Amino acid sequence: EEDEGFGLLFREKDLEDEMCAAAFVEAMSAGRPCVVRVLCRLLGGKGGFGALLRGQKGGKKTTNFDSMRDLSGRRLRHSKAVERIKDWMEKQKREDELVAALTGEGPELPKPVPQAESLDPEFVRRLKRAAADRPNLVSQGLRKLRADGAA
């Protein structure tokens, strides 16, 4: 009998067994899902792999510790990123203050009114005079209305 290099298991029993093979065929014909495990048989080697691993240990040293966690459980890369953002925000604020001081920004002054939009001083005087005479005009109109109504 020639060894094929692998074995098949159905319900954790070897399919080479006739009872297991019959149960497998029955399950397949009934349309039930079947799980078959394939076991690969590896031939033993001559060894020596440990020596290769020992030779690798003096290789590259790890310098990236960002994926480690601190005592509170956060990743170090996140903690460092928060610190860098805070430093950047403080630096940005200082630069903005310096720019504001150099450009002389202050409260906005009212813009001068263009000549085309300003009112003529003579027109304004006549308007004020008419507004001051308005109560007199109303009282004169009421007197005239009473006089016409009495006559």
Protein backbone atom coordinates (compact mmCIF):
# COMPACT_ATOMS: atom_id res chain seq x y z
CA GLU A 1 0.00 0.00 0.00
CA GLU A 2 1.43 3.36 -1.08
CA ASP A 3 1.24 6.29 1.35
CA GLU A 4 -0.35 9.33 -0.32
CA GLY A 5 1.04 11.90 2.11
CA PHE A 6 -2.34 13.00 3.46
CA GLY A 7 -5.31 11.61 5.38
CA LEU A 8 -9.03 12.47 5.34
CA LEU A 9 -11.14 12.66 8.50
CA PHE A 10 -14.95 12.75 8.67
CA ARG A 11 -16.44 13.23 12.15
CA GLU A 12 -12.88 12.85 13.49
CA LYS A 13 -12.63 9.30 12.03
CA ASP A 14 -10.45 8.19 9.14
CA LEU A 15 -12.35 7.88 5.84
CA GLU A 16 -10.33 4.75 5.07
CA ASP A 17 -12.64 2.96 7.55
CA GLU A 18 -15.64 1.42 5.72
CA MET A 19 -18.23 2.46 8.34
CA CYS A 20 -16.99 6.06 8.30
CA ALA A 21 -16.97 6.10 4.50
CA ALA A 22 -20.56 4.76 4.42
CA ALA A 23 -21.69 7.45 6.89
CA PHE A 24 -19.99 10.09 4.73
CA VAL A 25 -21.69 8.87 1.53
CA GLU A 26 -25.07 8.74 3.30
CA ALA A 27 -24.65 12.33 4.61
CA MET A 28 -23.62 13.60 1.17
CA SER A 29 -26.56 11.91 -0.58
CA ALA A 30 -28.98 13.38 2.01
CA GLY A 31 -27.67 16.86 1.16
CA ARG A 32 -26.41 17.63 4.66
CA PRO A 33 -23.30 19.80 4.99
CA CYS A 34 -20.23 17.71 5.68
CA VAL A 35 -16.95 18.78 7.22
CA VAL A 36 -13.90 16.89 6.01
CA ARG A 37 -10.48 17.59 7.50
CA VAL A 38 -7.39 17.02 5.39
CA LEU A 39 -4.29 16.06 7.36
CA CYS A 40 -0.99 16.49 5.54
CA ARG A 41 1.70 14.10 6.64
CA LEU A 42 5.14 15.63 6.71
CA LEU A 43 8.25 13.55 6.58
CA GLY A 44 10.85 14.31 9.22
CA GLY A 45 13.85 16.38 8.19
CA LYS A 46 17.44 16.30 9.28
CA GLY A 47 17.02 19.15 11.79
CA GLY A 48 19.32 22.11 12.15
CA PHE A 49 16.58 24.74 12.06
CA GLY A 50 17.35 25.83 15.63
CA ALA A 51 20.85 26.80 14.56
CA LEU A 52 19.37 29.08 11.89
CA LEU A 53 17.18 30.80 14.48
CA ARG A 54 20.11 31.30 16.84
CA GLY A 55 22.05 32.95 14.03
CA GLN A 56 19.21 35.41 13.39
CA LYS A 57 19.09 36.81 16.92
CA GLY A 58 21.95 39.28 16.43
CA GLY A 59 20.22 40.94 13.47
CA LYS A 60 18.21 44.13 13.31
CA LYS A 61 17.35 45.81 16.60
CA THR A 62 13.86 47.22 17.13
CA THR A 63 13.70 51.01 17.42
CA ASN A 64 9.98 51.49 16.86
CA PHE A 65 8.17 51.30 20.19
CA ASP A 66 5.04 53.21 19.08
CA SER A 67 2.85 50.10 19.07
CA MET A 68 3.52 49.49 22.75
CA ARG A 69 0.99 50.57 25.37
CA ASP A 70 1.47 52.87 28.34
CA LEU A 71 0.23 52.12 31.86
CA SER A 72 -3.23 53.51 31.12
CA GLY A 73 -3.64 51.16 28.13
CA ARG A 74 -3.28 53.73 25.33
CA ARG A 75 -0.86 53.14 22.48
CA LEU A 76 2.29 55.23 22.73
CA ARG A 77 1.87 56.54 19.17
CA HIS A 78 -1.51 58.05 20.15
CA SER A 79 -0.09 59.65 23.29
CA LYS A 80 2.78 61.15 21.32
CA ALA A 81 0.41 62.38 18.59
CA VAL A 82 -1.71 64.23 21.17
CA GLU A 83 1.41 65.91 22.57
CA ARG A 84 2.57 66.91 19.06
CA ILE A 85 -0.86 68.39 18.25
CA LYS A 86 -0.87 70.41 21.49
CA ASP A 87 2.62 71.76 20.75
CA TRP A 88 1.60 72.63 17.19
CA MET A 89 -1.55 74.47 18.39
CA GLU A 90 0.48 76.54 20.89
CA LYS A 91 3.03 77.39 18.20
CA GLN A 92 0.24 78.33 15.75
CA LYS A 93 -1.38 80.59 18.36
CA ARG A 94 1.93 82.39 19.01
CA GLU A 95 2.45 82.87 15.26
CA ASP A 96 -1.08 84.24 14.80
CA GLU A 97 -0.55 86.72 17.65
CA LEU A 98 2.74 87.83 16.10
CA VAL A 99 1.14 88.32 12.68
CA ALA A 100 -1.71 90.30 14.25
CA ALA A 101 0.78 92.54 16.09
CA LEU A 102 2.87 93.12 12.95
CA THR A 103 -0.07 93.92 10.68
CA GLY A 104 -1.55 96.31 13.24
CA GLU A 105 -4.94 94.74 13.23
CA GLY A 106 -7.30 96.41 15.63
CA PRO A 107 -10.93 97.35 15.87
CA GLU A 108 -12.38 98.17 12.49
CA LEU A 109 -12.86 101.88 11.89
CA PRO A 110 -16.07 103.08 10.26
CA LYS A 111 -15.63 103.67 6.57
CA PRO A 112 -16.10 107.24 5.33
CA VAL A 113 -19.42 107.83 3.61
CA PRO A 114 -19.00 108.49 -0.12
CA GLN A 115 -20.00 111.96 -1.33
CA ALA A 116 -22.67 110.47 -3.62
CA GLU A 117 -24.48 108.92 -0.63
CA SER A 118 -24.40 111.96 1.69
CA LEU A 119 -27.36 114.36 1.99
CA ASP A 120 -27.27 118.00 0.96
CA PRO A 121 -27.06 120.23 4.08
CA GLU A 122 -29.74 122.61 2.73
CA PHE A 123 -32.15 119.68 2.26
CA VAL A 124 -31.50 118.52 5.83
CA ARG A 125 -32.24 122.06 7.19
CA ARG A 126 -35.55 122.25 5.29
CA LEU A 127 -36.50 118.77 6.53
CA LYS A 128 -35.84 119.76 10.16
CA ARG A 129 -37.82 123.01 9.76
CA ALA A 130 -40.79 121.10 8.29
CA ALA A 131 -40.65 118.59 11.16
CA ALA A 132 -40.63 121.42 13.71
CA ASP A 133 -43.66 123.09 12.03
CA ARG A 134 -45.67 119.86 11.83
CA PRO A 135 -47.47 120.24 15.24
CA ASN A 136 -48.49 123.78 14.24
CA LEU A 137 -49.84 122.54 10.92
CA VAL A 138 -51.90 119.83 12.61
CA SER A 139 -53.40 122.29 15.09
CA GLN A 140 -54.18 124.76 12.25
CA GLY A 141 -55.91 121.99 10.30
CA LEU A 142 -58.03 121.03 13.32
CA ARG A 143 -59.04 124.70 13.92
CA LYS A 144 -60.02 125.08 10.29
CA LEU A 145 -62.06 121.85 10.44
CA ARG A 146 -63.95 123.10 13.53
CA ALA A 147 -64.55 126.48 11.92
CA ASP A 148 -65.96 124.86 8.77
CA GLY A 149 -68.08 122.49 10.85
CA ALA A 150 -69.53 125.37 12.96
CA ALA A 151 -70.42 127.46 9.95
